[in-house]
């Protein structure tokens, strides 16, 4: 009888530990869900109001919020900008921001061919949002960095260092 009681007690303790583990996981996921909902609300408000996020160089500096797709795409865009675009175009034309995925000669089309989009980017509206708010600022940041390096190299050549 005592053996059965000890076994039952051990099983009960095991179930309690599992229950606590799952409750902790549920709490963690609920916090994560609340953060995602807050971000979603903020994005929805900005989209509804027509407010476009700034496109400056510092837009991309906070990489803490990046997912793995954005990190990979940042590297891909960096290489593409450095080796394909910058040798031919030292300054970006204003038209580079235009979203035109059907025009095979557009920058948008060429970049969409080489980057991996996150699974949540499923429709054309999501694709355009990703282009305007993530891809274009990454290209802009890389170009700012390359122009700065180029300017510094020219200054060094001129001064003779």
Protein backbone atom coordinates (compact mmCIF):
# COMPACT_ATOMS: atom_id res chain seq x y z
CA UNK A 1 0.00 0.00 0.00
CA UNK A 2 2.74 2.42 0.89
CA UNK A 3 4.53 1.60 -2.35
CA UNK A 4 1.41 2.48 -4.31
CA UNK A 5 1.08 5.68 -2.33
CA UNK A 6 4.74 6.60 -3.02
CA UNK A 7 4.28 5.88 -6.73
CA UNK A 8 1.09 7.93 -6.83
CA UNK A 9 2.85 10.77 -4.98
CA UNK A 10 5.77 10.67 -7.45
CA UNK A 11 3.38 10.73 -10.41
CA UNK A 12 1.47 13.61 -8.82
CA UNK A 13 4.72 15.57 -8.29
CA UNK A 14 5.73 14.90 -11.88
CA UNK A 15 2.37 16.20 -13.12
CA UNK A 16 2.69 19.28 -10.92
CA UNK A 17 6.12 20.06 -12.40
CA UNK A 18 4.82 19.64 -15.92
CA UNK A 19 1.80 21.80 -15.12
CA UNK A 20 4.01 24.56 -13.72
CA UNK A 21 6.30 24.38 -16.75
CA UNK A 22 3.36 24.73 -19.14
CA UNK A 23 1.83 27.55 -17.12
CA UNK A 24 5.14 29.43 -17.26
CA UNK A 25 5.29 28.86 -21.01
CA UNK A 26 1.72 30.15 -21.38
CA UNK A 27 2.61 33.30 -19.41
CA UNK A 28 5.69 33.88 -21.58
CA UNK A 29 3.71 33.40 -24.79
CA UNK A 30 0.95 35.72 -23.56
CA UNK A 31 3.54 38.44 -22.90
CA UNK A 32 5.00 37.91 -26.36
CA UNK A 33 1.51 38.03 -27.87
CA UNK A 34 0.78 41.30 -26.07
CA UNK A 35 4.00 42.82 -27.45
CA UNK A 36 3.13 41.64 -30.97
CA UNK A 37 -0.37 43.08 -30.69
CA UNK A 38 1.05 46.40 -29.51
CA UNK A 39 3.42 46.47 -32.50
CA UNK A 40 0.59 45.49 -34.83
CA UNK A 41 -1.61 48.31 -33.50
CA UNK A 42 1.19 50.81 -34.01
CA UNK A 43 1.80 49.62 -37.58
CA UNK A 44 -1.92 49.62 -38.39
CA UNK A 45 -2.29 53.19 -37.11
CA UNK A 46 0.66 54.36 -39.20
CA UNK A 47 -0.70 52.62 -42.31
CA UNK A 48 -4.21 53.99 -41.82
CA UNK A 49 -2.94 57.51 -41.26
CA UNK A 50 -0.70 57.22 -44.33
CA UNK A 51 2.34 58.03 -42.25
CA UNK A 52 5.49 56.77 -43.92
CA UNK A 53 8.42 55.79 -41.76
CA UNK A 54 11.52 57.92 -42.17
CA UNK A 55 14.07 56.76 -44.67
CA UNK A 56 17.24 58.15 -43.14
CA UNK A 57 20.47 56.28 -42.59
CA UNK A 58 19.72 55.71 -38.92
CA UNK A 59 16.43 53.95 -39.65
CA UNK A 60 18.18 50.58 -39.83
CA UNK A 61 20.63 50.96 -36.97
CA UNK A 62 18.46 49.22 -34.40
CA UNK A 63 18.91 45.60 -35.42
CA UNK A 64 17.56 44.20 -32.16
CA UNK A 65 14.07 43.99 -33.62
CA UNK A 66 15.21 42.24 -36.78
CA UNK A 67 14.18 38.68 -37.51
CA UNK A 68 16.38 36.22 -39.37
CA UNK A 69 14.92 37.23 -42.74
CA UNK A 70 15.85 40.86 -42.21
CA UNK A 71 19.39 39.95 -41.18
CA UNK A 72 19.82 37.73 -44.24
CA UNK A 73 18.25 40.31 -46.53
CA UNK A 74 20.49 43.00 -45.06
CA UNK A 75 23.55 40.98 -46.04
CA UNK A 76 22.14 40.19 -49.50
CA UNK A 77 21.25 43.85 -50.12
CA UNK A 78 24.64 44.94 -48.86
CA UNK A 79 26.43 42.68 -51.34
CA UNK A 80 24.06 43.61 -54.17
CA UNK A 81 24.50 47.33 -53.51
CA UNK A 82 28.24 47.08 -53.20
CA UNK A 83 29.01 44.91 -56.22
CA UNK A 84 26.10 45.43 -58.62
CA UNK A 85 24.72 48.93 -58.06
CA UNK A 86 27.50 51.13 -56.66
CA UNK A 87 30.03 50.50 -59.47
CA UNK A 88 27.47 51.88 -61.97
CA UNK A 89 25.47 54.37 -59.88
CA UNK A 90 27.34 56.41 -57.28
CA UNK A 91 24.15 58.20 -56.26
CA UNK A 92 20.70 56.69 -56.04
CA UNK A 93 18.07 58.18 -58.29
CA UNK A 94 14.80 59.23 -56.62
CA UNK A 95 12.99 56.51 -58.58
CA UNK A 96 14.71 53.72 -56.60
CA UNK A 97 11.99 54.00 -53.95
CA UNK A 98 9.17 53.25 -56.38
CA UNK A 99 7.53 49.90 -55.83
CA UNK A 100 7.07 48.27 -59.24
CA UNK A 101 7.45 44.49 -59.04
CA UNK A 102 6.12 43.87 -62.55
CA UNK A 103 8.69 46.09 -64.34
CA UNK A 104 11.68 43.83 -65.03
CA UNK A 105 14.04 46.80 -65.35
CA UNK A 106 13.14 48.28 -61.97
CA UNK A 107 15.30 47.99 -58.89
CA UNK A 108 12.31 46.61 -57.00
CA UNK A 109 11.96 43.69 -59.41
CA UNK A 110 15.68 42.87 -59.34
CA UNK A 111 15.89 42.95 -55.56
CA UNK A 112 12.69 40.97 -55.07
CA UNK A 113 14.30 38.23 -57.17
CA UNK A 114 17.23 37.83 -54.79
CA UNK A 115 15.82 38.40 -51.30
CA UNK A 116 13.81 36.03 -49.12
CA UNK A 117 10.66 37.53 -47.74
CA UNK A 118 9.27 36.49 -44.37
CA UNK A 119 6.32 34.08 -44.50
CA UNK A 120 3.93 36.77 -43.23
CA UNK A 121 4.52 38.80 -46.44
CA UNK A 122 1.87 37.15 -48.58
CA UNK A 123 -0.07 39.78 -50.46
CA UNK A 124 0.95 42.68 -52.70
CA UNK A 125 0.07 45.14 -49.93
CA UNK A 126 2.36 43.33 -47.49
CA UNK A 127 5.04 43.15 -50.17
CA UNK A 128 4.85 46.89 -50.80
CA UNK A 129 4.92 47.59 -47.06
CA UNK A 130 8.03 45.41 -46.72
CA UNK A 131 9.65 47.20 -49.65
CA UNK A 132 8.96 50.71 -48.33
CA UNK A 133 9.68 50.09 -44.65
CA UNK A 134 12.50 47.53 -44.69
CA UNK A 135 14.17 47.07 -48.07
CA UNK A 136 14.49 50.73 -49.12
CA UNK A 137 15.97 51.88 -45.78
CA UNK A 138 18.51 49.02 -45.89
CA UNK A 139 19.61 50.07 -49.38
CA UNK A 140 19.77 53.71 -48.30
CA UNK A 141 21.88 52.87 -45.26
CA UNK A 142 24.35 50.83 -47.30
CA UNK A 143 24.63 53.60 -49.89
CA UNK A 144 25.28 56.19 -47.19
CA UNK A 145 28.05 54.03 -45.78
CA UNK A 146 29.61 53.40 -49.21
CA UNK A 147 29.47 57.10 -50.17
CA UNK A 148 31.09 58.01 -46.87
CA UNK A 149 33.89 55.50 -47.45
CA UNK A 150 34.28 56.72 -51.02
CA UNK A 151 34.48 60.37 -49.88
CA UNK A 152 37.06 59.50 -47.23
CA UNK A 153 39.16 57.64 -49.80
CA UNK A 154 39.06 60.61 -52.17
CA UNK A 155 40.08 62.98 -49.34
CA UNK A 156 42.99 60.72 -48.42
CA UNK A 157 44.13 60.63 -52.05
CA UNK A 158 43.88 64.41 -52.30
CA UNK A 159 45.69 65.11 -49.04
CA UNK A 160 48.21 62.40 -49.76
CA UNK A 161 48.00 60.25 -46.65
